[in-house]
C-alpha atoms as a PDB file:
ATOM      1  CA  MET A   1       5.528 139.150 -49.817  1.00  0.00           C
ATOM      2  CA  LEU A   2       9.189 139.847 -49.557  1.00  0.00           C
ATOM      3  CA  TRP A   3       9.989 142.248 -46.729  1.00  0.00           C
ATOM      4  CA  SER A   4      13.304 143.920 -47.496  1.00  0.00           C
ATOM      5  CA  PRO A   5      15.205 147.033 -46.363  1.00  0.00           C
ATOM      6  CA  ILE A   6      16.115 147.538 -50.043  1.00  0.00           C
ATOM      7  CA  VAL A   7      12.506 148.590 -50.699  1.00  0.00           C
ATOM      8  CA  TYR A   8      12.948 151.327 -48.090  1.00  0.00           C
ATOM      9  CA  ASP A   9      16.230 152.338 -49.731  1.00  0.00           C
ATOM     10  CA  VAL A  10      14.475 152.924 -53.082  1.00  0.00           C
ATOM     11  CA  GLY A  11      11.923 155.113 -51.310  1.00  0.00           C
ATOM     12  CA  ALA A  12       8.848 152.889 -51.491  1.00  0.00           C
ATOM     13  CA  MET A  13       6.526 151.304 -48.982  1.00  0.00           C
ATOM     14  CA  ALA A  14       5.875 148.476 -51.449  1.00  0.00           C
ATOM     15  CA  TYR A  15       5.882 147.717 -55.155  1.00  0.00           C
ATOM     16  CA  PHE A  16       5.245 145.085 -57.787  1.00  0.00           C
ATOM     17  CA  TYR A  17       7.824 144.267 -60.501  1.00  0.00           C
ATOM     18  CA  PRO A  18       6.073 143.001 -63.686  1.00  0.00           C
ATOM     19  CA  CYS A  19       9.149 141.157 -64.964  1.00  0.00           C
ATOM     20  CA  ASP A  20       8.791 138.675 -62.074  1.00  0.00           C
ATOM     21  CA  LEU A  21       5.786 137.127 -63.841  1.00  0.00           C
ATOM     22  CA  TYR A  22       7.964 135.923 -66.733  1.00  0.00           C
ATOM     23  CA  ASP A  23      10.139 132.858 -67.119  1.00  0.00           C
ATOM     24  CA  SER A  24      13.730 134.126 -66.930  1.00  0.00           C
ATOM     25  CA  ALA A  25      14.563 132.154 -70.103  1.00  0.00           C
ATOM     26  CA  ALA A  26      11.956 134.117 -72.088  1.00  0.00           C
ATOM     27  CA  LEU A  27      12.113 137.645 -70.697  1.00  0.00           C
ATOM     28  CA  PRO A  28      10.582 140.389 -72.854  1.00  0.00           C
ATOM     29  CA  MET A  29      12.625 143.400 -73.877  1.00  0.00           C
ATOM     30  CA  GLY A  30      13.091 145.753 -70.933  1.00  0.00           C
ATOM     31  CA  CYS A  31      13.156 142.966 -68.345  1.00  0.00           C
ATOM     32  CA  PRO A  32      16.743 142.300 -67.296  1.00  0.00           C
ATOM     33  CA  TYR A  33      15.804 139.597 -64.762  1.00  0.00           C
ATOM     34  CA  SER A  34      12.897 137.762 -63.185  1.00  0.00           C
ATOM     35  CA  ASN A  35      12.287 136.062 -59.862  1.00  0.00           C
ATOM     36  CA  GLU A  36       9.668 133.932 -61.667  1.00  0.00           C
ATOM     37  CA  GLN A  37       7.093 134.458 -58.924  1.00  0.00           C
ATOM     38  CA  GLU A  38       3.986 136.405 -58.063  1.00  0.00           C
ATOM     39  CA  ILE A  39       5.702 138.615 -55.526  1.00  0.00           C
ATOM     40  CA  LEU A  40       5.235 141.954 -53.839  1.00  0.00           C
ATOM     41  CA  TYR A  41       8.215 143.747 -52.318  1.00  0.00           C
ATOM     42  CA  ALA A  42       7.651 145.702 -49.108  1.00  0.00           C
ATOM     43  CA  THR A  43       9.534 147.768 -46.564  1.00  0.00           C
ATOM     44  CA  PRO A  44       9.696 145.958 -43.201  1.00  0.00           C
ATOM     45  CA  PRO A  45       7.163 147.505 -40.809  1.00  0.00           C
ATOM     46  CA  SER A  46       9.938 148.251 -38.297  1.00  0.00           C
ATOM     47  CA  MET A  47      11.443 150.714 -40.829  1.00  0.00           C
ATOM     48  CA  LEU A  48       8.201 152.582 -41.505  1.00  0.00           C
ATOM     49  CA  PRO A  49       6.877 155.655 -39.687  1.00  0.00           C
ATOM     50  CA  ALA A  50       4.332 154.633 -37.031  1.00  0.00           C
ATOM     51  CA  HIS A  51       1.261 155.709 -39.036  1.00  0.00           C
ATOM     52  CA  MET A  52       2.394 153.576 -42.006  1.00  0.00           C
ATOM     53  CA  ALA A  53       3.361 150.564 -39.876  1.00  0.00           C
ATOM     54  CA  ARG A  54      -0.183 149.957 -38.628  1.00  0.00           C
ATOM     55  CA  VAL A  55      -1.788 146.727 -39.803  1.00  0.00           C
ATOM     56  CA  SER A  56      -4.538 148.692 -41.576  1.00  0.00           C
ATOM     57  CA  SER A  57      -1.969 150.732 -43.542  1.00  0.00           C
ATOM     58  CA  ILE A  58      -0.003 147.645 -44.512  1.00  0.00           C
ATOM     59  CA  LEU A  59      -3.166 145.836 -45.671  1.00  0.00           C
ATOM     60  CA  GLU A  60      -4.188 148.899 -47.673  1.00  0.00           C
ATOM     61  CA  THR A  61      -0.806 148.938 -49.414  1.00  0.00           C
ATOM     62  CA  ILE A  62      -0.878 145.183 -50.072  1.00  0.00           C
ATOM     63  CA  ALA A  63      -4.369 145.482 -51.612  1.00  0.00           C
ATOM     64  CA  HIS A  64      -3.107 148.314 -53.823  1.00  0.00           C
ATOM     65  CA  GLU A  65       0.011 146.498 -55.020  1.00  0.00           C
ATOM     66  CA  LEU A  66      -1.803 143.186 -55.414  1.00  0.00           C
ATOM     67  CA  GLN A  67      -4.274 144.899 -57.755  1.00  0.00           C
ATOM     68  CA  HIS A  68      -1.301 146.080 -59.862  1.00  0.00           C
ATOM     69  CA  LEU A  69      -0.077 142.477 -60.045  1.00  0.00           C
ATOM     70  CA  ILE A  70      -3.521 141.076 -60.906  1.00  0.00           C
ATOM     71  CA  TYR A  71      -4.132 143.765 -63.523  1.00  0.00           C
ATOM     72  CA  PHE A  72      -0.790 143.186 -65.249  1.00  0.00           C
ATOM     73  CA  HIS A  73      -1.219 139.412 -65.209  1.00  0.00           C
ATOM     74  CA  HIS A  74      -4.709 139.542 -66.724  1.00  0.00           C
ATOM     75  CA  LYS A  75      -4.195 142.473 -69.105  1.00  0.00           C
ATOM     76  CA  VAL A  76      -0.683 141.790 -70.403  1.00  0.00           C
ATOM     77  CA  THR A  77       0.327 138.209 -69.614  1.00  0.00           C
ATOM     78  CA  LEU A  78      -3.023 136.564 -70.382  1.00  0.00           C
ATOM     79  CA  GLY A  79      -4.817 139.252 -72.419  1.00  0.00           C
ATOM     80  CA  GLY A  80      -1.996 140.142 -74.779  1.00  0.00           C
ATOM     81  CA  ALA A  81      -2.094 143.907 -74.198  1.00  0.00           C
ATOM     82  CA  ALA A  82       1.042 145.879 -74.969  1.00  0.00           C
ATOM     83  CA  GLY A  83       1.444 147.032 -71.364  1.00  0.00           C
ATOM     84  CA  ASP A  84       1.313 150.652 -72.514  1.00  0.00           C
ATOM     85  CA  GLU A  85      -1.398 151.817 -70.120  1.00  0.00           C
ATOM     86  CA  ASN A  86      -1.495 155.297 -68.639  1.00  0.00           C
ATOM     87  CA  ALA A  87       0.214 155.260 -65.221  1.00  0.00           C
ATOM     88  CA  TYR A  88      -2.673 157.069 -63.552  1.00  0.00           C
ATOM     89  CA  LEU A  89      -5.257 154.706 -64.957  1.00  0.00           C
ATOM     90  CA  LEU A  90      -3.252 151.894 -63.349  1.00  0.00           C
ATOM     91  CA  GLU A  91      -3.241 153.838 -60.075  1.00  0.00           C
ATOM     92  CA  GLY A  92      -7.013 154.286 -60.335  1.00  0.00           C
ATOM     93  CA  TRP A  93      -7.491 150.524 -60.654  1.00  0.00           C
ATOM     94  CA  ALA A  94      -5.096 149.936 -57.731  1.00  0.00           C
ATOM     95  CA  SER A  95      -7.068 152.370 -55.576  1.00  0.00           C
ATOM     96  CA  MET A  96     -10.209 150.428 -56.504  1.00  0.00           C
ATOM     97  CA  GLY A  97      -8.380 147.348 -55.191  1.00  0.00           C
ATOM     98  CA  GLU A  98      -8.047 149.126 -51.851  1.00  0.00           C
ATOM     99  CA  ASP A  99     -11.665 150.261 -51.961  1.00  0.00           C
ATOM    100  CA  LEU A 100     -13.242 146.932 -52.886  1.00  0.00           C
ATOM    101  CA  SER A 101     -11.100 144.915 -50.488  1.00  0.00           C
ATOM    102  CA  GLY A 102     -12.316 147.091 -47.635  1.00  0.00           C
ATOM    103  CA  TYR A 103      -8.817 148.267 -46.737  1.00  0.00           C
ATOM    104  CA  GLY A 104      -8.906 151.679 -48.454  1.00  0.00           C
ATOM    105  CA  ARG A 105      -9.002 153.764 -45.304  1.00  0.00           C
ATOM    106  CA  GLY A 106      -7.130 156.667 -46.906  1.00  0.00           C
ATOM    107  CA  LEU A 107      -9.417 156.871 -49.936  1.00  0.00           C
ATOM    108  CA  PHE A 108     -11.749 159.332 -48.222  1.00  0.00           C
ATOM    109  CA  PHE A 109      -8.904 161.869 -48.157  1.00  0.00           C
ATOM    110  CA  ILE A 110      -7.787 160.984 -51.690  1.00  0.00           C
ATOM    111  CA  ALA A 111     -11.322 161.469 -53.024  1.00  0.00           C
ATOM    112  CA  GLY A 112     -11.578 164.778 -51.185  1.00  0.00           C
ATOM    113  CA  ALA A 113      -8.333 166.012 -52.736  1.00  0.00           C
ATOM    114  CA  GLY A 114      -9.544 164.947 -56.171  1.00  0.00           C
ATOM    115  CA  LEU A 115     -12.814 166.797 -55.733  1.00  0.00           C
ATOM    116  CA  ASP A 116     -11.067 169.902 -54.387  1.00  0.00           C
ATOM    117  CA  ASP A 117      -8.821 170.042 -57.467  1.00  0.00           C
ATOM    118  CA  SER A 118     -11.418 168.926 -60.033  1.00  0.00           C
ATOM    119  CA  ASP A 119     -11.047 172.154 -62.014  1.00  0.00           C
ATOM    120  CA  GLN A 120      -7.353 171.374 -62.639  1.00  0.00           C
ATOM    121  CA  TYR A 121      -7.525 168.112 -64.603  1.00  0.00           C
ATOM    122  CA  GLY A 122      -9.527 166.350 -67.268  1.00  0.00           C
ATOM    123  CA  ALA A 123     -10.327 162.709 -67.990  1.00  0.00           C
ATOM    124  CA  ILE A 124      -8.067 162.803 -71.054  1.00  0.00           C
ATOM    125  CA  GLU A 125      -5.064 162.895 -68.716  1.00  0.00           C
ATOM    126  CA  ILE A 126      -6.083 159.443 -67.470  1.00  0.00           C
ATOM    127  CA  LEU A 127      -7.276 158.033 -70.785  1.00  0.00           C
ATOM    128  CA  ARG A 128      -4.425 159.020 -73.099  1.00  0.00           C
ATOM    129  CA  GLY A 129      -1.805 156.428 -73.964  1.00  0.00           C
ATOM    130  CA  SER A 130       1.182 155.598 -71.887  1.00  0.00           C
ATOM    131  CA  SER A 131       2.428 158.448 -69.804  1.00  0.00           C
ATOM    132  CA  GLY A 132       4.606 158.449 -66.762  1.00  0.00           C
ATOM    133  CA  TYR A 133       4.020 160.100 -63.442  1.00  0.00           C
ATOM    134  CA  ASP A 134       3.839 163.881 -63.173  1.00  0.00           C
ATOM    135  CA  PRO A 135       5.710 164.758 -59.947  1.00  0.00           C
ATOM    136  CA  ALA A 136       4.141 168.227 -59.749  1.00  0.00           C
ATOM    137  CA  ARG A 137       0.553 166.890 -60.043  1.00  0.00           C
ATOM    138  CA  ASP A 138       0.935 163.305 -58.837  1.00  0.00           C
ATOM    139  CA  GLY A 139      -1.425 163.331 -55.858  1.00  0.00           C
ATOM    140  CA  MET A 140      -4.126 165.181 -57.773  1.00  0.00           C
ATOM    141  CA  LEU A 141      -3.951 162.826 -60.779  1.00  0.00           C
ATOM    142  CA  ARG A 142      -4.010 159.730 -58.555  1.00  0.00           C
ATOM    143  CA  ALA A 143      -7.125 161.124 -56.883  1.00  0.00           C
ATOM    144  CA  ALA A 144      -8.679 161.938 -60.266  1.00  0.00           C
ATOM    145  CA  ALA A 145      -8.015 158.404 -61.496  1.00  0.00           C
ATOM    146  CA  TYR A 146      -9.610 156.861 -58.422  1.00  0.00           C
ATOM    147  CA  LEU A 147     -12.698 159.080 -58.765  1.00  0.00           C
ATOM    148  CA  PHE A 148     -12.934 158.192 -62.475  1.00  0.00           C
ATOM    149  CA  MET A 149     -12.699 154.449 -61.791  1.00  0.00           C
ATOM    150  CA  ARG A 150     -15.183 154.673 -58.916  1.00  0.00           C
ATOM    151  CA  TYR A 151     -17.594 156.540 -61.200  1.00  0.00           C
ATOM    152  CA  LEU A 152     -17.292 153.875 -63.924  1.00  0.00           C
ATOM    153  CA  TRP A 153     -17.715 151.105 -61.340  1.00  0.00           C
ATOM    154  CA  ASP A 154     -20.893 152.681 -60.019  1.00  0.00           C
ATOM    155  CA  ARG A 155     -22.233 153.369 -63.540  1.00  0.00           C
ATOM    156  CA  ALA A 156     -21.737 149.679 -64.385  1.00  0.00           C
ATOM    157  CA  GLY A 157     -24.120 148.750 -61.556  1.00  0.00           C
ATOM    158  CA  GLY A 158     -21.965 148.242 -58.484  1.00  0.00           C
ATOM    159  CA  GLU A 159     -22.307 145.265 -56.165  1.00  0.00           C
ATOM    160  CA  ARG A 160     -24.309 144.403 -53.081  1.00  0.00           C
ATOM    161  CA  ILE A 161     -23.003 142.831 -49.902  1.00  0.00           C
ATOM    162  CA  GLU A 162     -25.590 140.372 -48.630  1.00  0.00           C
ATOM    163  CA  THR A 163     -26.320 139.805 -44.926  1.00  0.00           C
ATOM    164  CA  ASP A 164     -24.359 136.540 -45.027  1.00  0.00           C
ATOM    165  CA  GLY A 165     -21.286 138.372 -46.387  1.00  0.00           C
ATOM    166  CA  THR A 166     -21.558 137.124 -49.962  1.00  0.00           C
ATOM    167  CA  ILE A 167     -21.306 139.584 -52.822  1.00  0.00           C
ATOM    168  CA  THR A 168     -23.971 139.903 -55.488  1.00  0.00           C
ATOM    169  CA  ASP A 169     -22.700 141.429 -58.718  1.00  0.00           C
ATOM    170  CA  LEU A 170     -25.027 144.129 -60.007  1.00  0.00           C
ATOM    171  CA  GLY A 171     -22.934 144.541 -63.154  1.00  0.00           C
ATOM    172  CA  SER A 172     -19.631 146.040 -62.059  1.00  0.00           C
ATOM    173  CA  VAL A 173     -17.747 142.825 -61.317  1.00  0.00           C
ATOM    174  CA  ALA A 174     -18.540 141.456 -64.787  1.00  0.00           C
ATOM    175  CA  TRP A 175     -17.690 144.837 -66.363  1.00  0.00           C
ATOM    176  CA  SER A 176     -14.337 145.049 -64.569  1.00  0.00           C
ATOM    177  CA  ARG A 177     -13.431 141.523 -65.640  1.00  0.00           C
ATOM    178  CA  ARG A 178     -14.217 142.349 -69.293  1.00  0.00           C
ATOM    179  CA  THR A 179     -12.212 145.565 -69.008  1.00  0.00           C
ATOM    180  CA  ILE A 180      -9.183 144.027 -67.330  1.00  0.00           C
ATOM    181  CA  ASP A 181      -9.178 140.869 -69.480  1.00  0.00           C
ATOM    182  CA  SER A 182      -9.372 142.854 -72.743  1.00  0.00           C
ATOM    183  CA  SER A 183      -6.222 143.417 -74.776  1.00  0.00           C
ATOM    184  CA  ALA A 184      -7.392 146.989 -75.465  1.00  0.00           C
ATOM    185  CA  GLU A 185      -5.977 149.782 -73.340  1.00  0.00           C
ATOM    186  CA  GLY A 186      -6.947 153.324 -72.380  1.00  0.00           C
ATOM    187  CA  ARG A 187      -9.939 155.042 -73.933  1.00  0.00           C
ATOM    188  CA  ARG A 188     -10.513 152.313 -76.506  1.00  0.00           C
ATOM    189  CA  ASN A 189     -10.834 149.740 -73.727  1.00  0.00           C
ATOM    190  CA  PHE A 190     -13.585 151.707 -71.983  1.00  0.00           C
ATOM    191  CA  GLU A 191     -15.393 152.356 -75.248  1.00  0.00           C
ATOM    192  CA  GLU A 192     -15.421 148.620 -75.992  1.00  0.00           C
ATOM    193  CA  THR A 193     -16.523 147.517 -72.534  1.00  0.00           C
END
């Protein structure tokens, strides 16, 4: 983690920069520089509003951004995908990172918003090829993506937390690994896995 006021200046609580996973001598097109590290950038807690500076909020954000980093590393760096995934599909996976880590305290409200607006979006908006963020519908599409990913996770079998704290995969962990490790993206990826 790199805590920096610059993150606040760009208007983010935290983010992950994919170019940092590359050797600076072999940067792909579109990557002007690399810190050559697995790194998350975050606004210092002292600069955040009180409700965002709580430990639970910071852990939720770290889980979210760490899932972005893990996804990119497995899908693009190791899996050979083009890195042309739909932005909201990526946000759905990152919300699952919050959920499965146990830090997704705000997901109840996100899911509620997604259900309230379910007549205003379709799965194709999450499954189509690369698309950027839609400022007018951003919250709704993030919620839709989380609900879609949660549905797929549950359909794959889920997981069980044992009394000793260990996790037993009932199918979803293996499915998510196949999905994330595949070089396929979007709809094709889900059809194959």
